Amino acid sequence: MIRPVVMLPAPVLSTRAEEVTAFGAESRALADDLLDTMRASAHSVGIAAPQIGVGLRAFALDVTGHKKADSCHGEVVLFNPEVVLATGRDVGREGCMSVPDLTGDVARRTHVVVRGLDPDGVERVLECNAFEARAVQHEIDHLDGHLFLDRVVAADRVFPRRVYR
């Protein structure tokens, strides 16, 4: 089910999401909703549960076909993700469905290893670089109650979003 995307300044976006402790029909339904909502937005490569109003640690991601992607795991849903290794650093432009009118330059790690659980509670470990690593960190930030606006490299590095026609 496609869910409405929560917009800034909704409190759920600035609150640390809770760990998921039970896996089954509810976690699979949340995963389906995250994927459906992400797919419904033409330029989205990821969405976190707080962005659909759910205060749980889960996100969906898919960088397939993105011109800046190197690693690509296809559609992924991770619950309780944690970065276990992070190296490199790069500054890049980010946007967010919950902050639709702005973009900003954010410093992120260029290579991450992230561990989490799939919708059935089975552990997954992903090694990501380049754009996929940036997207993973962006989504985990949502789970910690942060937006890209909290991470911009300088106040003058926030920009009005371009309108694509």
Foldseek 3Di string as FASTA:
>chain_A
DAAQFAAPPPVLQQAAAAADDDFDDVLVVLLVRQVVNQVVDPPHQKDASVRRPHRFAKMWGFCPPPPFFDDTPGIAMFGPKDWPDFAAKDWDKDDDPNHQFKIFIFIGTFWTWMWGAGRRRHIDIDIGGTPVRVVVVQRVCSNGSDHVVVGHPDPVGMDTDDDDD
